[in-house]
Amino acid sequence: MIVIDWWAFVQVFLAALFAASTVVLFYSFGLRLLVRSGRAPVVSPAEFTDAITVISEKEARRAAKAAVKAAKKSPLTDGAKQLALVGAYACFAVAALVVLGGLLLILFNH
């Protein structure tokens, strides 16, 4: 007869839910702070299959130009931009540590 430890199942489910939510929260907050610091990430176009829309080089240049223009219009002072940049890196570090912690739990918690 198979016996299922439902309490262990609930613990794993809650831990996974918490970890996933934490990673998404800190990564998205880090991206928001990165944009507020005037360093919006611009991704160059890549070649994919026809199922995915690919932007042209002209559209990529236009997006990069708009990001530079938006960074110049920022109402933040240089100190506030620097603080937002440090906060963005801190958020990315927390997200990476949560992922690393999860991997360490998987590898060494037998």
C-alpha atoms as a PDB file:
ATOM      1  CA  MET A   1       0.000   0.000   0.000  1.00  0.00           C
ATOM      2  CA  ILE A   2       1.310   3.433  -0.946  1.00  0.00           C
ATOM      3  CA  VAL A   3       1.290   6.028   1.814  1.00  0.00           C
ATOM      4  CA  ILE A   4       1.548   9.689   0.865  1.00  0.00           C
ATOM      5  CA  ASP A   5       2.919  12.162   3.365  1.00  0.00           C
ATOM      6  CA  TRP A   6       0.573  15.057   2.564  1.00  0.00           C
ATOM      7  CA  TRP A   7       2.194  17.427   5.051  1.00  0.00           C
ATOM      8  CA  ALA A   8       5.550  17.041   3.234  1.00  0.00           C
ATOM      9  CA  PHE A   9       3.745  17.691  -0.056  1.00  0.00           C
ATOM     10  CA  VAL A  10       2.222  20.903   1.331  1.00  0.00           C
ATOM     11  CA  GLN A  11       5.611  22.032   2.671  1.00  0.00           C
ATOM     12  CA  VAL A  12       7.305  21.535  -0.704  1.00  0.00           C
ATOM     13  CA  PHE A  13       4.442  23.268  -2.505  1.00  0.00           C
ATOM     14  CA  LEU A  14       4.572  26.306  -0.209  1.00  0.00           C
ATOM     15  CA  ALA A  15       8.364  26.520  -0.396  1.00  0.00           C
ATOM     16  CA  ALA A  16       8.277  26.383  -4.212  1.00  0.00           C
ATOM     17  CA  LEU A  17       5.503  28.975  -4.359  1.00  0.00           C
ATOM     18  CA  PHE A  18       7.384  31.293  -2.010  1.00  0.00           C
ATOM     19  CA  ALA A  19      10.682  30.908  -3.878  1.00  0.00           C
ATOM     20  CA  ALA A  20       9.119  31.470  -7.298  1.00  0.00           C
ATOM     21  CA  SER A  21       7.221  34.531  -6.075  1.00  0.00           C
ATOM     22  CA  THR A  22      10.347  35.947  -4.466  1.00  0.00           C
ATOM     23  CA  VAL A  23      12.441  35.511  -7.608  1.00  0.00           C
ATOM     24  CA  VAL A  24       9.794  37.130  -9.827  1.00  0.00           C
ATOM     25  CA  LEU A  25       9.198  39.980  -7.364  1.00  0.00           C
ATOM     26  CA  PHE A  26      12.845  40.911  -6.908  1.00  0.00           C
ATOM     27  CA  TYR A  27      13.734  40.479 -10.587  1.00  0.00           C
ATOM     28  CA  SER A  28      10.856  42.675 -11.753  1.00  0.00           C
ATOM     29  CA  PHE A  29      11.580  45.278  -9.070  1.00  0.00           C
ATOM     30  CA  GLY A  30      15.244  45.217 -10.137  1.00  0.00           C
ATOM     31  CA  LEU A  31      14.261  45.844 -13.754  1.00  0.00           C
ATOM     32  CA  ARG A  32      12.032  48.715 -12.673  1.00  0.00           C
ATOM     33  CA  LEU A  33      14.851  50.301 -10.688  1.00  0.00           C
ATOM     34  CA  LEU A  34      17.252  49.749 -13.595  1.00  0.00           C
ATOM     35  CA  VAL A  35      14.918  51.685 -15.881  1.00  0.00           C
ATOM     36  CA  ARG A  36      14.484  54.449 -13.278  1.00  0.00           C
ATOM     37  CA  SER A  37      18.261  54.775 -13.065  1.00  0.00           C
ATOM     38  CA  GLY A  38      18.332  55.618 -16.781  1.00  0.00           C
ATOM     39  CA  ARG A  39      19.784  52.312 -17.958  1.00  0.00           C
ATOM     40  CA  ALA A  40      16.896  50.687 -19.739  1.00  0.00           C
ATOM     41  CA  PRO A  41      17.947  47.314 -21.157  1.00  0.00           C
ATOM     42  CA  VAL A  42      17.682  47.289 -24.935  1.00  0.00           C
ATOM     43  CA  VAL A  43      17.877  43.846 -26.496  1.00  0.00           C
ATOM     44  CA  SER A  44      19.223  43.578 -30.016  1.00  0.00           C
ATOM     45  CA  PRO A  45      17.118  41.665 -32.521  1.00  0.00           C
ATOM     46  CA  ALA A  46      17.708  37.945 -32.895  1.00  0.00           C
ATOM     47  CA  GLU A  47      16.873  35.532 -35.655  1.00  0.00           C
ATOM     48  CA  PHE A  48      14.042  33.156 -34.784  1.00  0.00           C
ATOM     49  CA  THR A  49      11.557  31.049 -36.643  1.00  0.00           C
ATOM     50  CA  ASP A  50       8.551  32.614 -38.340  1.00  0.00           C
ATOM     51  CA  ALA A  51       6.440  31.922 -35.248  1.00  0.00           C
ATOM     52  CA  ILE A  52       8.121  34.760 -33.369  1.00  0.00           C
ATOM     53  CA  THR A  53       8.005  38.349 -34.558  1.00  0.00           C
ATOM     54  CA  VAL A  54      11.490  39.790 -35.049  1.00  0.00           C
ATOM     55  CA  ILE A  55      12.053  43.522 -35.017  1.00  0.00           C
ATOM     56  CA  SER A  56      14.180  45.100 -37.709  1.00  0.00           C
ATOM     57  CA  GLU A  57      17.439  46.939 -37.156  1.00  0.00           C
ATOM     58  CA  LYS A  58      15.604  50.229 -37.770  1.00  0.00           C
ATOM     59  CA  GLU A  59      13.078  49.435 -35.033  1.00  0.00           C
ATOM     60  CA  ALA A  60      15.899  48.445 -32.670  1.00  0.00           C
ATOM     61  CA  ARG A  61      17.697  51.761 -33.294  1.00  0.00           C
ATOM     62  CA  ARG A  62      14.426  53.609 -32.718  1.00  0.00           C
ATOM     63  CA  ALA A  63      13.896  51.764 -29.404  1.00  0.00           C
ATOM     64  CA  ALA A  64      17.461  52.522 -28.287  1.00  0.00           C
ATOM     65  CA  LYS A  65      16.998  56.182 -29.207  1.00  0.00           C
ATOM     66  CA  ALA A  66      13.719  56.320 -27.267  1.00  0.00           C
ATOM     67  CA  ALA A  67      15.434  54.752 -24.231  1.00  0.00           C
ATOM     68  CA  VAL A  68      18.184  57.385 -24.323  1.00  0.00           C
ATOM     69  CA  LYS A  69      15.597  60.151 -24.694  1.00  0.00           C
ATOM     70  CA  ALA A  70      13.565  58.781 -21.767  1.00  0.00           C
ATOM     71  CA  ALA A  71      16.706  58.583 -19.623  1.00  0.00           C
ATOM     72  CA  LYS A  72      17.430  62.271 -20.314  1.00  0.00           C
ATOM     73  CA  LYS A  73      13.890  63.255 -19.297  1.00  0.00           C
ATOM     74  CA  SER A  74      14.152  61.515 -15.929  1.00  0.00           C
ATOM     75  CA  PRO A  75      13.198  63.801 -13.019  1.00  0.00           C
ATOM     76  CA  LEU A  76      15.665  62.034 -10.720  1.00  0.00           C
ATOM     77  CA  THR A  77      18.893  63.641  -9.613  1.00  0.00           C
ATOM     78  CA  ASP A  78      22.213  61.946 -10.295  1.00  0.00           C
ATOM     79  CA  GLY A  79      22.330  60.712  -6.693  1.00  0.00           C
ATOM     80  CA  ALA A  80      18.842  59.235  -6.938  1.00  0.00           C
ATOM     81  CA  LYS A  81      19.757  57.528 -10.211  1.00  0.00           C
ATOM     82  CA  GLN A  82      22.856  56.044  -8.585  1.00  0.00           C
ATOM     83  CA  LEU A  83      20.774  54.843  -5.631  1.00  0.00           C
ATOM     84  CA  ALA A  84      18.247  53.257  -8.020  1.00  0.00           C
ATOM     85  CA  LEU A  85      21.091  51.500  -9.829  1.00  0.00           C
ATOM     86  CA  VAL A  86      22.488  50.107  -6.568  1.00  0.00           C
ATOM     87  CA  GLY A  87      18.987  49.010  -5.575  1.00  0.00           C
ATOM     88  CA  ALA A  88      18.541  47.272  -8.938  1.00  0.00           C
ATOM     89  CA  TYR A  89      21.775  45.334  -8.501  1.00  0.00           C
ATOM     90  CA  ALA A  90      20.757  44.428  -4.941  1.00  0.00           C
ATOM     91  CA  CYS A  91      17.395  43.106  -6.186  1.00  0.00           C
ATOM     92  CA  PHE A  92      19.130  41.029  -8.863  1.00  0.00           C
ATOM     93  CA  ALA A  93      21.493  39.670  -6.200  1.00  0.00           C
ATOM     94  CA  VAL A  94      18.588  38.652  -3.942  1.00  0.00           C
ATOM     95  CA  ALA A  95      16.869  36.881  -6.855  1.00  0.00           C
ATOM     96  CA  ALA A  96      20.107  35.059  -7.696  1.00  0.00           C
ATOM     97  CA  LEU A  97      20.619  34.063  -4.055  1.00  0.00           C
ATOM     98  CA  VAL A  98      17.107  32.607  -3.858  1.00  0.00           C
ATOM     99  CA  VAL A  99      17.795  30.516  -6.965  1.00  0.00           C
ATOM    100  CA  LEU A 100      21.177  29.441  -5.592  1.00  0.00           C
ATOM    101  CA  GLY A 101      19.619  28.573  -2.235  1.00  0.00           C
ATOM    102  CA  GLY A 102      17.023  26.415  -3.960  1.00  0.00           C
ATOM    103  CA  LEU A 103      19.718  24.597  -5.896  1.00  0.00           C
ATOM    104  CA  LEU A 104      21.723  24.007  -2.733  1.00  0.00           C
ATOM    105  CA  LEU A 105      18.639  22.609  -0.992  1.00  0.00           C
ATOM    106  CA  ILE A 106      18.051  20.236  -3.877  1.00  0.00           C
ATOM    107  CA  LEU A 107      21.672  19.095  -4.052  1.00  0.00           C
ATOM    108  CA  PHE A 108      22.590  18.770  -0.377  1.00  0.00           C
ATOM    109  CA  ASN A 109      19.341  18.170   1.512  1.00  0.00           C
ATOM    110  CA  HIS A 110      19.085  14.389   1.071  1.00  0.00           C
END
